[in-house]
Amino acid sequence: MGILKSSEVGLTHIAEGRSRYLAHLSNLMVVVIDFNDGPMSQPDPPHSHPHEQISYVVSGEVNVVLGNEMTRLGPGDIFTVPPNLPHCIQLLSKSARLVDTFSPIREDFLK
């Protein structure tokens, strides 16, 4: 992939008010996700996957639920998700941007 300019990338709309774009190598993926559907009264439904995940909160405020533990995070905060751990977020602000990294890559995001 080489260089990916945000001004030239095609966004993938993943839900109403949510979009993403991504880049990947053979074993590592970075995904920029924009949330514009907040604030939410409840967390999203939990999900899990076999990938390791590290996420960086660029902007906005979110609650991150890892297993049974909820933590409020804001710009500059990072959270990690081991494989197969149920997790989700609750958008506390009107919008937020997260940068997620995955290893191995999320093949399901390429479809």
Protein backbone atom coordinates (compact mmCIF):
# COMPACT_ATOMS: atom_id res chain seq x y z
CA MET A 1 0.00 0.00 0.00
CA GLY A 2 2.83 2.46 0.74
CA ILE A 3 1.34 5.94 1.21
CA LEU A 4 -2.30 6.53 2.14
CA LYS A 5 -3.50 10.15 2.14
CA SER A 6 -6.67 10.72 4.16
CA SER A 7 -7.83 13.31 1.61
CA GLU A 8 -7.73 10.69 -1.15
CA VAL A 9 -9.02 7.61 0.64
CA GLY A 10 -12.45 6.10 0.12
CA LEU A 11 -14.33 5.74 3.38
CA THR A 12 -16.21 2.57 4.23
CA HIS A 13 -19.52 3.32 5.94
CA ILE A 14 -19.93 0.65 8.60
CA ALA A 15 -23.16 1.92 10.22
CA GLU A 16 -25.24 5.07 10.38
CA GLY A 17 -22.86 7.82 11.54
CA ARG A 18 -19.79 5.54 11.49
CA SER A 19 -17.07 5.20 8.87
CA ARG A 20 -13.54 3.88 8.58
CA TYR A 21 -10.50 3.67 6.39
CA LEU A 22 -7.52 1.39 6.79
CA ALA A 23 -4.09 0.28 5.72
CA HIS A 24 -2.37 -3.06 6.22
CA LEU A 25 0.67 -5.18 5.64
CA SER A 26 0.64 -8.97 5.77
CA ASN A 27 0.43 -9.18 9.60
CA LEU A 28 -0.52 -5.71 10.85
CA MET A 29 -3.54 -3.48 10.20
CA VAL A 30 -4.36 0.09 11.25
CA VAL A 31 -7.96 1.31 11.09
CA VAL A 32 -9.14 4.90 11.56
CA ILE A 33 -12.76 4.92 12.76
CA ASP A 34 -14.93 8.02 12.94
CA PHE A 35 -18.01 7.93 15.16
CA ASN A 36 -20.57 10.69 14.55
CA ASP A 37 -23.65 9.19 16.19
CA GLY A 38 -23.25 10.12 19.84
CA PRO A 39 -23.69 10.48 22.59
CA MET A 40 -25.10 7.01 23.27
CA SER A 41 -27.12 6.09 26.35
CA GLN A 42 -25.72 2.54 26.44
CA PRO A 43 -22.57 0.78 25.20
CA ASP A 44 -22.63 -0.96 21.85
CA PRO A 45 -23.22 -4.72 22.05
CA PRO A 46 -19.99 -6.51 23.03
CA HIS A 47 -18.05 -8.37 20.37
CA SER A 48 -14.84 -10.41 20.30
CA HIS A 49 -12.35 -11.61 17.72
CA PRO A 50 -9.16 -13.71 17.64
CA HIS A 51 -6.98 -10.66 16.84
CA GLU A 52 -4.83 -8.66 19.22
CA GLN A 53 -5.98 -5.04 19.27
CA ILE A 54 -4.47 -1.77 20.49
CA SER A 55 -6.59 1.36 20.19
CA TYR A 56 -5.75 5.05 20.53
CA VAL A 57 -8.40 7.68 21.25
CA VAL A 58 -7.64 10.62 18.95
CA SER A 59 -10.68 12.74 19.83
CA GLY A 60 -13.93 12.55 21.75
CA GLU A 61 -14.89 10.78 24.96
CA VAL A 62 -15.80 7.09 25.22
CA ASN A 63 -16.44 4.44 27.79
CA VAL A 64 -14.48 1.31 26.93
CA VAL A 65 -15.84 -1.98 28.20
CA LEU A 66 -13.26 -4.78 28.44
CA GLY A 67 -14.90 -7.92 29.76
CA ASN A 68 -16.88 -6.65 32.77
CA GLU A 69 -14.79 -3.52 33.37
CA MET A 70 -15.79 -0.06 32.10
CA THR A 71 -13.32 2.86 31.87
CA ARG A 72 -13.84 6.42 30.63
CA LEU A 73 -11.22 7.49 28.07
CA GLY A 74 -10.43 10.66 26.17
CA PRO A 75 -7.90 12.06 23.70
CA GLY A 76 -4.46 10.56 24.09
CA ASP A 77 -5.64 7.45 25.97
CA ILE A 78 -4.86 3.92 24.77
CA PHE A 79 -6.47 0.57 25.49
CA THR A 80 -5.44 -2.99 24.62
CA VAL A 81 -7.66 -5.96 23.87
CA PRO A 82 -6.28 -9.51 24.02
CA PRO A 83 -7.69 -12.12 21.64
CA ASN A 84 -11.27 -13.30 22.26
CA LEU A 85 -12.05 -10.82 25.08
CA PRO A 86 -15.58 -9.38 24.76
CA HIS A 87 -15.34 -5.60 24.41
CA CYS A 88 -17.21 -2.54 23.18
CA ILE A 89 -17.43 1.22 23.49
CA GLN A 90 -20.03 3.76 24.49
CA LEU A 91 -19.75 7.10 22.75
CA LEU A 92 -20.06 9.85 25.37
CA SER A 93 -19.46 12.83 23.06
CA LYS A 94 -21.18 13.77 19.80
CA SER A 95 -18.23 12.39 17.83
CA ALA A 96 -14.98 10.51 18.36
CA ARG A 97 -12.06 9.20 16.33
CA LEU A 98 -10.23 6.01 17.28
CA VAL A 99 -7.19 4.46 15.64
CA ASP A 100 -7.27 0.67 16.02
CA THR A 101 -4.38 -1.66 15.25
CA PHE A 102 -4.85 -5.39 14.73
CA SER A 103 -2.57 -8.38 14.42
CA PRO A 104 -3.09 -10.45 12.41
CA ILE A 105 -5.06 -8.34 9.96
CA ARG A 106 -8.86 -8.36 10.01
CA GLU A 107 -9.63 -10.14 6.76
CA ASP A 108 -13.33 -9.42 7.40
CA PHE A 109 -12.59 -5.68 7.08
CA LEU A 110 -11.25 -6.22 3.54
CA LYS A 111 -14.52 -7.60 2.14
